[in-house]
Amino acid sequence: MSDLSLDVPEAPPAALMSALAEAGVPVRLGEPLGRHTSFRIGGPADLFAAVRSVPELQATLHACRAHHYPVFFLGGGTNLLVSDRGVRGAVLKLGKQFDFVEWDKRADGASVRVGAAVPFKRLVLQTIEARLAGLEFAEGIPGTVGGGLLMNAGAFGGEIGSVVEAIEVVTEAGDAVTIPRSELNFSYRRLALPTRALVTAIRMRLVPGEATTLRTKVSDAKAKRDRHQPRGYPNAGSIFKNPTGEHAGRLLEAAGLKGARLGGAMISERHANFIVNAGGARAADVVDLMQFATRVVHDRFEVTLEPEVRLVGDW
């Protein structure tokens, strides 16, 4: 592992700071990214900006591009493990202005335009109240709709990719474009974009549903999550992808790994495919525990687990 004492941010170029100030972009230096992740783990960002509009996002990207400054797009921070050293360059996050839902209801359902910063759980509740079906599976999925889109979040046989019509993005070059579904490549827990970009809004197509049926589906999904998923500890959701025809949690549990602990990181005693921050965990603790669990499962079952959580930053 890297020397974890070197979690000190680097100063951005003065010319870049001047350009961002001229554009009116509010920035923070050395922002601890543990404040912005569900794991509550992560070192500092050299430069952090919660952008408030598409033009402000474009101005930020233009300035970073002009000064050859790297950019990382941060969503809801729910499927990430950020290095203890933090992230070099600019970390961009969408501000509250990207938390909106616009409805276009019709007899055969509704087209919905959703800001990427909308909390996934709240959107599910709003669609149920509107008697629209298609997102019941997502009850309890943490984070934002934008983050859920990029990992094609799903549960109980459903996934967000099934309802997406198009997405709105700002590319790394600063261009605002709309990408139709035909150019989106959804797969298991992944969306491959045709270009590197920050998603700003998602357009979905939902169909009419019966209120009682929808509420029952949501209640059932919530009950399943409450029975099996850890509560009370920060975590990043499922740590490993399910191998073909198998469940990562079952393999980890069968290998006797529930409750295994390294530093402040612990494999949940409730569901073995969750690593939780049991108190003061560093990213290095989580990675070491992941590597240990991977070796144990491979030695016992000859199955190599693949991470579902994304490792980002300066490792």
C-alpha atoms as a PDB file:
ATOM      1  CA  MET A   1       0.000   0.000   0.000  1.00  0.00           C
ATOM      2  CA  SER A   2       1.000   3.653  -0.366  1.00  0.00           C
ATOM      3  CA  ASP A   3       2.410   5.722   2.465  1.00  0.00           C
ATOM      4  CA  LEU A   4      -0.849   6.844   4.079  1.00  0.00           C
ATOM      5  CA  SER A   5       0.807   9.837   5.731  1.00  0.00           C
ATOM      6  CA  LEU A   6       0.899  11.629   2.398  1.00  0.00           C
ATOM      7  CA  ASP A   7      -2.779  12.650   2.406  1.00  0.00           C
ATOM      8  CA  VAL A   8      -1.977  16.322   1.820  1.00  0.00           C
ATOM      9  CA  PRO A   9      -3.705  18.120  -1.066  1.00  0.00           C
ATOM     10  CA  GLU A  10      -1.738  19.794  -3.819  1.00  0.00           C
ATOM     11  CA  ALA A  11      -2.295  23.467  -4.609  1.00  0.00           C
ATOM     12  CA  PRO A  12      -4.133  24.080  -7.918  1.00  0.00           C
ATOM     13  CA  PRO A  13      -2.441  26.382 -10.461  1.00  0.00           C
ATOM     14  CA  ALA A  14      -2.964  30.068  -9.701  1.00  0.00           C
ATOM     15  CA  ALA A  15      -4.126  30.704 -13.278  1.00  0.00           C
ATOM     16  CA  LEU A  16      -6.862  28.089 -12.911  1.00  0.00           C
ATOM     17  CA  MET A  17      -8.034  29.583  -9.626  1.00  0.00           C
ATOM     18  CA  SER A  18      -8.221  33.003 -11.298  1.00  0.00           C
ATOM     19  CA  ALA A  19     -10.246  31.615 -14.194  1.00  0.00           C
ATOM     20  CA  LEU A  20     -12.725  29.918 -11.845  1.00  0.00           C
ATOM     21  CA  ALA A  21     -13.050  33.057  -9.734  1.00  0.00           C
ATOM     22  CA  GLU A  22     -13.731  35.117 -12.863  1.00  0.00           C
ATOM     23  CA  ALA A  23     -16.459  32.636 -13.847  1.00  0.00           C
ATOM     24  CA  GLY A  24     -18.010  32.903 -10.373  1.00  0.00           C
ATOM     25  CA  VAL A  25     -17.474  29.231  -9.521  1.00  0.00           C
ATOM     26  CA  PRO A  26     -17.303  28.671  -5.732  1.00  0.00           C
ATOM     27  CA  VAL A  27     -14.512  26.237  -4.869  1.00  0.00           C
ATOM     28  CA  ARG A  28     -13.011  24.716  -1.735  1.00  0.00           C
ATOM     29  CA  LEU A  29      -9.430  23.522  -1.375  1.00  0.00           C
ATOM     30  CA  GLY A  30      -8.521  20.368   0.504  1.00  0.00           C
ATOM     31  CA  GLU A  31     -12.141  19.318   0.994  1.00  0.00           C
ATOM     32  CA  PRO A  32     -12.270  15.964   2.883  1.00  0.00           C
ATOM     33  CA  LEU A  33     -14.148  13.597   0.591  1.00  0.00           C
ATOM     34  CA  GLY A  34     -15.243  11.396   3.485  1.00  0.00           C
ATOM     35  CA  ARG A  35     -17.926  14.058   3.962  1.00  0.00           C
ATOM     36  CA  HIS A  36     -19.333  13.179   0.551  1.00  0.00           C
ATOM     37  CA  THR A  37     -19.269   9.351   0.552  1.00  0.00           C
ATOM     38  CA  SER A  38     -21.611   6.878   2.220  1.00  0.00           C
ATOM     39  CA  PHE A  39     -18.545   5.010   3.542  1.00  0.00           C
ATOM     40  CA  ARG A  40     -17.491   8.196   5.384  1.00  0.00           C
ATOM     41  CA  ILE A  41     -13.999   7.444   4.102  1.00  0.00           C
ATOM     42  CA  GLY A  42     -11.764   9.474   1.806  1.00  0.00           C
ATOM     43  CA  GLY A  43      -8.878  11.900   1.801  1.00  0.00           C
ATOM     44  CA  PRO A  44      -8.897  15.468   0.472  1.00  0.00           C
ATOM     45  CA  ALA A  45      -9.689  16.796  -2.972  1.00  0.00           C
ATOM     46  CA  ASP A  46      -7.164  19.292  -4.260  1.00  0.00           C
ATOM     47  CA  LEU A  47     -10.078  21.389  -5.521  1.00  0.00           C
ATOM     48  CA  PHE A  48     -13.786  20.774  -4.877  1.00  0.00           C
ATOM     49  CA  ALA A  49     -16.734  22.499  -6.543  1.00  0.00           C
ATOM     50  CA  ALA A  50     -20.465  21.910  -6.105  1.00  0.00           C
ATOM     51  CA  VAL A  51     -21.634  23.445  -9.384  1.00  0.00           C
ATOM     52  CA  ARG A  52     -25.002  25.203  -9.442  1.00  0.00           C
ATOM     53  CA  SER A  53     -25.995  25.164 -13.121  1.00  0.00           C
ATOM     54  CA  VAL A  54     -25.090  23.690 -16.495  1.00  0.00           C
ATOM     55  CA  PRO A  55     -23.353  26.947 -17.600  1.00  0.00           C
ATOM     56  CA  GLU A  56     -21.318  26.935 -14.370  1.00  0.00           C
ATOM     57  CA  LEU A  57     -20.385  23.307 -14.959  1.00  0.00           C
ATOM     58  CA  GLN A  58     -19.362  24.126 -18.525  1.00  0.00           C
ATOM     59  CA  ALA A  59     -17.238  27.066 -17.349  1.00  0.00           C
ATOM     60  CA  THR A  60     -15.502  24.851 -14.800  1.00  0.00           C
ATOM     61  CA  LEU A  61     -14.743  22.156 -17.361  1.00  0.00           C
ATOM     62  CA  HIS A  62     -13.516  24.695 -19.915  1.00  0.00           C
ATOM     63  CA  ALA A  63     -11.163  26.211 -17.320  1.00  0.00           C
ATOM     64  CA  CYS A  64      -9.828  22.822 -16.221  1.00  0.00           C
ATOM     65  CA  ARG A  65      -9.324  21.725 -19.810  1.00  0.00           C
ATOM     66  CA  ALA A  66      -7.520  24.965 -20.704  1.00  0.00           C
ATOM     67  CA  HIS A  67      -5.098  24.451 -17.806  1.00  0.00           C
ATOM     68  CA  HIS A  68      -4.709  20.671 -18.329  1.00  0.00           C
ATOM     69  CA  TYR A  69      -6.153  20.024 -14.891  1.00  0.00           C
ATOM     70  CA  PRO A  70      -7.676  16.560 -14.220  1.00  0.00           C
ATOM     71  CA  VAL A  71     -11.366  16.268 -13.299  1.00  0.00           C
ATOM     72  CA  PHE A  72     -13.271  13.642 -11.324  1.00  0.00           C
ATOM     73  CA  PHE A  73     -17.087  13.564 -11.353  1.00  0.00           C
ATOM     74  CA  LEU A  74     -18.587  12.745  -7.940  1.00  0.00           C
ATOM     75  CA  GLY A  75     -22.204  11.621  -7.706  1.00  0.00           C
ATOM     76  CA  GLY A  76     -23.898  10.633  -4.480  1.00  0.00           C
ATOM     77  CA  GLY A  77     -20.758   8.875  -3.275  1.00  0.00           C
ATOM     78  CA  THR A  78     -22.578   5.627  -2.487  1.00  0.00           C
ATOM     79  CA  ASN A  79     -20.628   3.126  -4.586  1.00  0.00           C
ATOM     80  CA  LEU A  80     -17.154   4.568  -4.064  1.00  0.00           C
ATOM     81  CA  LEU A  81     -14.086   3.960  -1.982  1.00  0.00           C
ATOM     82  CA  VAL A  82     -11.927   7.086  -2.061  1.00  0.00           C
ATOM     83  CA  SER A  83      -8.232   6.711  -1.335  1.00  0.00           C
ATOM     84  CA  ASP A  84      -6.848   7.966   1.961  1.00  0.00           C
ATOM     85  CA  ARG A  85      -4.604  10.194  -0.141  1.00  0.00           C
ATOM     86  CA  GLY A  86      -7.682  11.767  -1.709  1.00  0.00           C
ATOM     87  CA  VAL A  87      -8.139  12.792  -5.330  1.00  0.00           C
ATOM     88  CA  ARG A  88      -5.656  14.850  -7.299  1.00  0.00           C
ATOM     89  CA  GLY A  89      -7.199  17.564  -9.447  1.00  0.00           C
ATOM     90  CA  ALA A  90     -10.756  18.886  -9.393  1.00  0.00           C
ATOM     91  CA  VAL A  91     -13.686  16.993  -7.900  1.00  0.00           C
ATOM     92  CA  LEU A  92     -17.015  18.208  -9.281  1.00  0.00           C
ATOM     93  CA  LYS A  93     -20.370  17.531  -7.680  1.00  0.00           C
ATOM     94  CA  LEU A  94     -23.832  18.696  -8.740  1.00  0.00           C
ATOM     95  CA  GLY A  95     -25.439  21.215  -6.393  1.00  0.00           C
ATOM     96  CA  LYS A  96     -29.036  21.403  -5.168  1.00  0.00           C
ATOM     97  CA  GLN A  97     -30.153  23.062  -8.379  1.00  0.00           C
ATOM     98  CA  PHE A  98     -29.904  19.639 -10.047  1.00  0.00           C
ATOM     99  CA  ASP A  99     -32.449  18.181  -7.617  1.00  0.00           C
ATOM    100  CA  PHE A 100     -35.681  18.447  -9.656  1.00  0.00           C
ATOM    101  CA  VAL A 101     -38.420  16.249 -11.130  1.00  0.00           C
ATOM    102  CA  GLU A 102     -40.471  17.324 -14.161  1.00  0.00           C
ATOM    103  CA  TRP A 103     -43.547  15.294 -15.124  1.00  0.00           C
ATOM    104  CA  ASP A 104     -45.214  14.907 -18.507  1.00  0.00           C
ATOM    105  CA  LYS A 105     -48.177  12.683 -17.663  1.00  0.00           C
ATOM    106  CA  ARG A 106     -50.262  10.967 -20.320  1.00  0.00           C
ATOM    107  CA  ALA A 107     -52.952   8.294 -20.401  1.00  0.00           C
ATOM    108  CA  ASP A 108     -50.376   5.601 -21.150  1.00  0.00           C
ATOM    109  CA  GLY A 109     -47.991   6.676 -18.395  1.00  0.00           C
ATOM    110  CA  ALA A 110     -45.517   9.511 -18.103  1.00  0.00           C
ATOM    111  CA  SER A 111     -42.228  10.813 -19.335  1.00  0.00           C
ATOM    112  CA  VAL A 112     -40.207  12.059 -16.394  1.00  0.00           C
ATOM    113  CA  ARG A 113     -37.162  14.323 -16.519  1.00  0.00           C
ATOM    114  CA  VAL A 114     -35.155  13.914 -13.347  1.00  0.00           C
ATOM    115  CA  GLY A 115     -32.149  15.919 -12.175  1.00  0.00           C
ATOM    116  CA  ALA A 116     -29.124  13.745 -11.511  1.00  0.00           C
ATOM    117  CA  ALA A 117     -28.901  15.004  -7.903  1.00  0.00           C
ATOM    118  CA  VAL A 118     -32.383  13.719  -6.959  1.00  0.00           C
ATOM    119  CA  PRO A 119     -32.179  11.131  -4.138  1.00  0.00           C
ATOM    120  CA  PHE A 120     -33.156   7.766  -5.613  1.00  0.00           C
ATOM    121  CA  LYS A 121     -35.333   6.787  -2.659  1.00  0.00           C
ATOM    122  CA  ARG A 122     -37.365   9.995  -2.835  1.00  0.00           C
ATOM    123  CA  LEU A 123     -37.976   9.576  -6.569  1.00  0.00           C
ATOM    124  CA  VAL A 124     -39.372   6.093  -5.944  1.00  0.00           C
ATOM    125  CA  LEU A 125     -41.838   7.453  -3.400  1.00  0.00           C
ATOM    126  CA  GLN A 126     -42.922  10.222  -5.781  1.00  0.00           C
ATOM    127  CA  THR A 127     -43.569   7.781  -8.630  1.00  0.00           C
ATOM    128  CA  ILE A 128     -45.667   5.581  -6.327  1.00  0.00           C
ATOM    129  CA  GLU A 129     -47.739   8.588  -5.256  1.00  0.00           C
ATOM    130  CA  ALA A 130     -48.219   9.410  -8.951  1.00  0.00           C
ATOM    131  CA  ARG A 131     -49.339   5.777  -9.556  1.00  0.00           C
ATOM    132  CA  LEU A 132     -46.539   5.118 -12.001  1.00  0.00           C
ATOM    133  CA  ALA A 133     -44.731   1.788 -12.247  1.00  0.00           C
ATOM    134  CA  GLY A 134     -41.161   0.966 -13.167  1.00  0.00           C
ATOM    135  CA  LEU A 135     -39.023   1.948 -10.189  1.00  0.00           C
ATOM    136  CA  GLU A 136     -40.485  -0.083  -7.294  1.00  0.00           C
ATOM    137  CA  PHE A 137     -37.358  -2.265  -7.178  1.00  0.00           C
ATOM    138  CA  ALA A 138     -35.268   0.770  -6.216  1.00  0.00           C
ATOM    139  CA  GLU A 139     -36.832   1.361  -2.805  1.00  0.00           C
ATOM    140  CA  GLY A 140     -33.950   1.786  -0.407  1.00  0.00           C
ATOM    141  CA  ILE A 141     -31.199   2.086  -3.031  1.00  0.00           C
ATOM    142  CA  PRO A 142     -28.972   4.831  -1.591  1.00  0.00           C
ATOM    143  CA  GLY A 143     -27.525   7.837  -3.334  1.00  0.00           C
ATOM    144  CA  THR A 144     -28.682   9.903  -6.254  1.00  0.00           C
ATOM    145  CA  VAL A 145     -30.413   8.986  -9.495  1.00  0.00           C
ATOM    146  CA  GLY A 146     -27.315  10.033 -11.442  1.00  0.00           C
ATOM    147  CA  GLY A 147     -25.099   7.713  -9.444  1.00  0.00           C
ATOM    148  CA  GLY A 148     -27.634   4.909  -9.756  1.00  0.00           C
ATOM    149  CA  LEU A 149     -27.705   5.390 -13.502  1.00  0.00           C
ATOM    150  CA  LEU A 150     -23.941   5.014 -13.923  1.00  0.00           C
ATOM    151  CA  MET A 151     -23.904   1.712 -12.047  1.00  0.00           C
ATOM    152  CA  ASN A 152     -27.207   0.623 -13.600  1.00  0.00           C
ATOM    153  CA  ALA A 153     -28.504   0.147 -10.079  1.00  0.00           C
ATOM    154  CA  GLY A 154     -30.926  -2.676  -9.603  1.00  0.00           C
ATOM    155  CA  ALA A 155     -32.485  -5.110  -7.173  1.00  0.00           C
ATOM    156  CA  PHE A 156     -35.148  -7.828  -7.033  1.00  0.00           C
ATOM    157  CA  GLY A 157     -35.132  -8.337 -10.797  1.00  0.00           C
ATOM    158  CA  GLY A 158     -35.324  -4.683 -11.851  1.00  0.00           C
ATOM    159  CA  GLU A 159     -32.753  -2.104 -12.932  1.00  0.00           C
ATOM    160  CA  ILE A 160     -32.812   1.575 -13.800  1.00  0.00           C
ATOM    161  CA  GLY A 161     -31.641   0.953 -17.366  1.00  0.00           C
ATOM    162  CA  SER A 162     -35.003  -0.600 -18.210  1.00  0.00           C
ATOM    163  CA  VAL A 163     -36.849   2.742 -17.938  1.00  0.00           C
ATOM    164  CA  VAL A 164     -34.280   5.199 -19.352  1.00  0.00           C
ATOM    165  CA  GLU A 165     -35.199   6.982 -22.589  1.00  0.00           C
ATOM    166  CA  ALA A 166     -32.271   9.411 -22.799  1.00  0.00           C
ATOM    167  CA  ILE A 167     -29.757  11.214 -20.627  1.00  0.00           C
ATOM    168  CA  GLU A 168     -28.457  14.762 -20.595  1.00  0.00           C
ATOM    169  CA  VAL A 169     -24.742  15.227 -20.027  1.00  0.00           C
ATOM    170  CA  VAL A 170     -21.976  17.777 -20.126  1.00  0.00           C
ATOM    171  CA  THR A 171     -18.921  16.252 -21.765  1.00  0.00           C
ATOM    172  CA  GLU A 172     -15.378  16.618 -20.507  1.00  0.00           C
ATOM    173  CA  ALA A 173     -14.889  19.236 -23.235  1.00  0.00           C
ATOM    174  CA  GLY A 174     -17.774  21.266 -21.779  1.00  0.00           C
ATOM    175  CA  ASP A 175     -20.440  20.488 -24.397  1.00  0.00           C
ATOM    176  CA  ALA A 176     -24.053  19.965 -23.252  1.00  0.00           C
ATOM    177  CA  VAL A 177     -25.580  17.087 -25.224  1.00  0.00           C
ATOM    178  CA  THR A 178     -28.467  14.635 -25.017  1.00  0.00           C
ATOM    179  CA  ILE A 179     -27.654  10.954 -25.561  1.00  0.00           C
ATOM    180  CA  PRO A 180     -30.569   8.731 -26.686  1.00  0.00           C
ATOM    181  CA  ARG A 181     -31.081   5.247 -25.332  1.00  0.00           C
ATOM    182  CA  SER A 182     -29.878   3.733 -28.599  1.00  0.00           C
ATOM    183  CA  GLU A 183     -26.358   5.010 -27.815  1.00  0.00           C
ATOM    184  CA  LEU A 184     -26.338   3.785 -24.204  1.00  0.00           C
ATOM    185  CA  ASN A 185     -24.855   0.398 -23.375  1.00  0.00           C
ATOM    186  CA  PHE A 186     -26.405  -0.959 -20.173  1.00  0.00           C
ATOM    187  CA  SER A 187     -25.027  -4.146 -18.619  1.00  0.00           C
ATOM    188  CA  TYR A 188     -24.942  -5.730 -15.172  1.00  0.00           C
ATOM    189  CA  ARG A 189     -24.207  -2.918 -12.698  1.00  0.00           C
ATOM    190  CA  ARG A 190     -22.691  -0.750 -15.394  1.00  0.00           C
ATOM    191  CA  LEU A 191     -23.504   1.890 -17.982  1.00  0.00           C
ATOM    192  CA  ALA A 192     -20.920   2.483 -20.692  1.00  0.00           C
ATOM    193  CA  LEU A 193     -21.218   6.049 -21.972  1.00  0.00           C
ATOM    194  CA  PRO A 194     -20.060   6.855 -25.520  1.00  0.00           C
ATOM    195  CA  THR A 195     -17.998   9.732 -24.093  1.00  0.00           C
ATOM    196  CA  ARG A 196     -16.613  10.747 -20.703  1.00  0.00           C
ATOM    197  CA  ALA A 197     -19.173  13.120 -19.251  1.00  0.00           C
ATOM    198  CA  LEU A 198     -21.089  14.228 -16.177  1.00  0.00           C
ATOM    199  CA  VAL A 199     -24.759  13.248 -16.232  1.00  0.00           C
ATOM    200  CA  THR A 200     -27.006  16.206 -15.359  1.00  0.00           C
ATOM    201  CA  ALA A 201     -30.490  14.778 -16.008  1.00  0.00           C
ATOM    202  CA  ILE A 202     -32.216  11.513 -16.923  1.00  0.00           C
ATOM    203  CA  ARG A 203     -35.361  11.092 -18.988  1.00  0.00           C
ATOM    204  CA  MET A 204     -37.443   8.060 -18.070  1.00  0.00           C
ATOM    205  CA  ARG A 205     -40.578   6.397 -19.349  1.00  0.00           C
ATOM    206  CA  LEU A 206     -42.940   5.001 -16.696  1.00  0.00           C
ATOM    207  CA  VAL A 207     -46.263   3.202 -17.126  1.00  0.00           C
ATOM    208  CA  PRO A 208     -49.522   3.420 -15.141  1.00  0.00           C
ATOM    209  CA  GLY A 209     -49.772   1.254 -12.056  1.00  0.00           C
ATOM    210  CA  GLU A 210     -52.371   0.411  -9.434  1.00  0.00           C
ATOM    211  CA  ALA A 211     -51.623   2.233  -6.179  1.00  0.00           C
ATOM    212  CA  THR A 212     -52.122  -0.688  -3.792  1.00  0.00           C
ATOM    213  CA  THR A 213     -50.025  -3.035  -5.934  1.00  0.00           C
ATOM    214  CA  LEU A 214     -47.198  -0.507  -6.180  1.00  0.00           C
ATOM    215  CA  ARG A 215     -47.174   0.162  -2.433  1.00  0.00           C
ATOM    216  CA  THR A 216     -47.116  -3.583  -1.747  1.00  0.00           C
ATOM    217  CA  LYS A 217     -44.115  -4.068  -4.029  1.00  0.00           C
ATOM    218  CA  VAL A 218     -42.262  -1.226  -2.322  1.00  0.00           C
ATOM    219  CA  SER A 219     -43.114  -2.559   1.132  1.00  0.00           C
ATOM    220  CA  ASP A 220     -41.899  -6.032   0.151  1.00  0.00           C
ATOM    221  CA  ALA A 221     -38.631  -4.625  -1.195  1.00  0.00           C
ATOM    222  CA  LYS A 222     -38.109  -2.610   1.990  1.00  0.00           C
ATOM    223  CA  ALA A 223     -38.776  -5.647   4.174  1.00  0.00           C
ATOM    224  CA  LYS A 224     -36.207  -7.706   2.250  1.00  0.00           C
ATOM    225  CA  ARG A 225     -33.582  -4.993   2.620  1.00  0.00           C
ATOM    226  CA  ASP A 226     -34.292  -4.551   6.320  1.00  0.00           C
ATOM    227  CA  ARG A 227     -33.933  -8.298   6.903  1.00  0.00           C
ATOM    228  CA  HIS A 228     -30.642  -8.726   5.118  1.00  0.00           C
ATOM    229  CA  GLN A 229     -28.696  -5.486   4.813  1.00  0.00           C
ATOM    230  CA  PRO A 230     -26.577  -3.928   7.564  1.00  0.00           C
ATOM    231  CA  ARG A 231     -27.896  -0.962   9.473  1.00  0.00           C
ATOM    232  CA  GLY A 232     -26.158   1.541  11.662  1.00  0.00           C
ATOM    233  CA  TYR A 233     -22.738   1.423   9.971  1.00  0.00           C
ATOM    234  CA  PRO A 234     -21.511   3.498   7.016  1.00  0.00           C
ATOM    235  CA  ASN A 235     -20.990   1.356   3.922  1.00  0.00           C
ATOM    236  CA  ALA A 236     -20.902   1.520   0.126  1.00  0.00           C
ATOM    237  CA  GLY A 237     -23.464  -1.156  -0.657  1.00  0.00           C
ATOM    238  CA  SER A 238     -22.470  -4.467  -2.189  1.00  0.00           C
ATOM    239  CA  ILE A 239     -18.696  -4.792  -2.281  1.00  0.00           C
ATOM    240  CA  PHE A 240     -18.446  -7.569  -4.887  1.00  0.00           C
ATOM    241  CA  LYS A 241     -20.405  -8.364  -8.030  1.00  0.00           C
ATOM    242  CA  ASN A 242     -22.357 -11.601  -8.087  1.00  0.00           C
ATOM    243  CA  PRO A 243     -20.500 -14.222 -10.151  1.00  0.00           C
ATOM    244  CA  THR A 244     -22.518 -15.849 -12.929  1.00  0.00           C
ATOM    245  CA  GLY A 245     -25.047 -18.216 -11.389  1.00  0.00           C
ATOM    246  CA  GLU A 246     -23.900 -17.485  -7.851  1.00  0.00           C
ATOM    247  CA  HIS A 247     -24.186 -14.900  -5.069  1.00  0.00           C
ATOM    248  CA  ALA A 248     -21.090 -13.237  -3.675  1.00  0.00           C
ATOM    249  CA  GLY A 249     -22.680 -13.006  -0.234  1.00  0.00           C
ATOM    250  CA  ARG A 250     -23.276 -16.750  -0.065  1.00  0.00           C
ATOM    251  CA  LEU A 251     -19.667 -17.527  -1.018  1.00  0.00           C
ATOM    252  CA  LEU A 252     -18.285 -15.069   1.528  1.00  0.00           C
ATOM    253  CA  GLU A 253     -20.528 -16.427   4.270  1.00  0.00           C
ATOM    254  CA  ALA A 254     -19.700 -20.051   3.402  1.00  0.00           C
ATOM    255  CA  ALA A 255     -16.019 -19.133   3.632  1.00  0.00           C
ATOM    256  CA  GLY A 256     -16.595 -18.059   7.233  1.00  0.00           C
ATOM    257  CA  LEU A 257     -15.873 -14.387   6.583  1.00  0.00           C
ATOM    258  CA  LYS A 258     -18.804 -12.763   8.382  1.00  0.00           C
ATOM    259  CA  GLY A 259     -17.424 -10.523  11.101  1.00  0.00           C
ATOM    260  CA  ALA A 260     -13.843 -10.582   9.733  1.00  0.00           C
ATOM    261  CA  ARG A 261     -12.120  -7.315  10.559  1.00  0.00           C
ATOM    262  CA  LEU A 262      -9.018  -5.380   9.561  1.00  0.00           C
ATOM    263  CA  GLY A 263      -8.514  -2.047  11.278  1.00  0.00           C
ATOM    264  CA  GLY A 264     -11.813  -0.191  11.258  1.00  0.00           C
ATOM    265  CA  ALA A 265     -13.264  -2.187   8.340  1.00  0.00           C
ATOM    266  CA  MET A 266     -15.472  -5.202   9.004  1.00  0.00           C
ATOM    267  CA  ILE A 267     -17.378  -7.697   6.859  1.00  0.00           C
ATOM    268  CA  SER A 268     -20.951  -7.306   8.034  1.00  0.00           C
ATOM    269  CA  GLU A 269     -22.264  -9.983  10.352  1.00  0.00           C
ATOM    270  CA  ARG A 270     -25.669  -9.481   8.749  1.00  0.00           C
ATOM    271  CA  HIS A 271     -24.747  -9.741   5.065  1.00  0.00           C
ATOM    272  CA  ALA A 272     -21.291 -10.915   4.042  1.00  0.00           C
ATOM    273  CA  ASN A 273     -21.230  -8.902   0.796  1.00  0.00           C
ATOM    274  CA  PHE A 274     -21.117  -5.649   2.757  1.00  0.00           C
ATOM    275  CA  ILE A 275     -18.002  -4.178   4.298  1.00  0.00           C
ATOM    276  CA  VAL A 276     -18.868  -1.583   6.918  1.00  0.00           C
ATOM    277  CA  ASN A 277     -16.966   1.245   8.531  1.00  0.00           C
ATOM    278  CA  ALA A 278     -17.099  -0.023  12.103  1.00  0.00           C
ATOM    279  CA  GLY A 279     -15.347   3.095  13.339  1.00  0.00           C
ATOM    280  CA  GLY A 280     -12.360   5.049  12.049  1.00  0.00           C
ATOM    281  CA  ALA A 281     -11.827   2.853   9.001  1.00  0.00           C
ATOM    282  CA  ARG A 282      -9.382   4.007   6.367  1.00  0.00           C
ATOM    283  CA  ALA A 283      -9.570   3.137   2.709  1.00  0.00           C
ATOM    284  CA  ALA A 284      -6.481   0.965   3.152  1.00  0.00           C
ATOM    285  CA  ASP A 285      -8.357  -1.139   5.728  1.00  0.00           C
ATOM    286  CA  VAL A 286     -11.211  -1.753   3.294  1.00  0.00           C
ATOM    287  CA  VAL A 287      -8.914  -2.643   0.378  1.00  0.00           C
ATOM    288  CA  ASP A 288      -6.857  -5.014   2.520  1.00  0.00           C
ATOM    289  CA  LEU A 289     -10.036  -6.706   3.741  1.00  0.00           C
ATOM    290  CA  MET A 290     -11.349  -7.001   0.173  1.00  0.00           C
ATOM    291  CA  GLN A 291      -8.096  -8.594  -0.954  1.00  0.00           C
ATOM    292  CA  PHE A 292      -8.138 -11.000   1.987  1.00  0.00           C
ATOM    293  CA  ALA A 293     -11.744 -12.020   1.283  1.00  0.00           C
ATOM    294  CA  THR A 294     -10.988 -12.483  -2.416  1.00  0.00           C
ATOM    295  CA  ARG A 295      -8.084 -14.822  -1.623  1.00  0.00           C
ATOM    296  CA  VAL A 296     -10.111 -16.875   0.863  1.00  0.00           C
ATOM    297  CA  VAL A 297     -13.048 -17.331  -1.535  1.00  0.00           C
ATOM    298  CA  HIS A 298     -10.747 -18.224  -4.424  1.00  0.00           C
ATOM    299  CA  ASP A 299      -8.798 -20.743  -2.352  1.00  0.00           C
ATOM    300  CA  ARG A 300     -11.996 -22.412  -1.165  1.00  0.00           C
ATOM    301  CA  PHE A 301     -14.271 -22.258  -4.212  1.00  0.00           C
ATOM    302  CA  GLU A 302     -11.935 -21.389  -7.131  1.00  0.00           C
ATOM    303  CA  VAL A 303     -14.111 -18.351  -7.845  1.00  0.00           C
ATOM    304  CA  THR A 304     -12.532 -14.922  -8.298  1.00  0.00           C
ATOM    305  CA  LEU A 305     -14.751 -12.151  -6.949  1.00  0.00           C
ATOM    306  CA  GLU A 306     -14.807  -8.850  -8.837  1.00  0.00           C
ATOM    307  CA  PRO A 307     -15.299  -5.561  -6.972  1.00  0.00           C
ATOM    308  CA  GLU A 308     -18.589  -3.753  -7.422  1.00  0.00           C
ATOM    309  CA  VAL A 309     -17.421  -0.760  -5.409  1.00  0.00           C
ATOM    310  CA  ARG A 310     -15.289   1.700  -7.408  1.00  0.00           C
ATOM    311  CA  LEU A 311     -11.830   2.579  -6.102  1.00  0.00           C
ATOM    312  CA  VAL A 312     -11.012   6.174  -6.934  1.00  0.00           C
ATOM    313  CA  GLY A 313      -8.297   8.666  -6.128  1.00  0.00           C
ATOM    314  CA  ASP A 314      -4.563   8.589  -5.578  1.00  0.00           C
ATOM    315  CA  TRP A 315      -3.575   5.068  -4.557  1.00  0.00           C
END
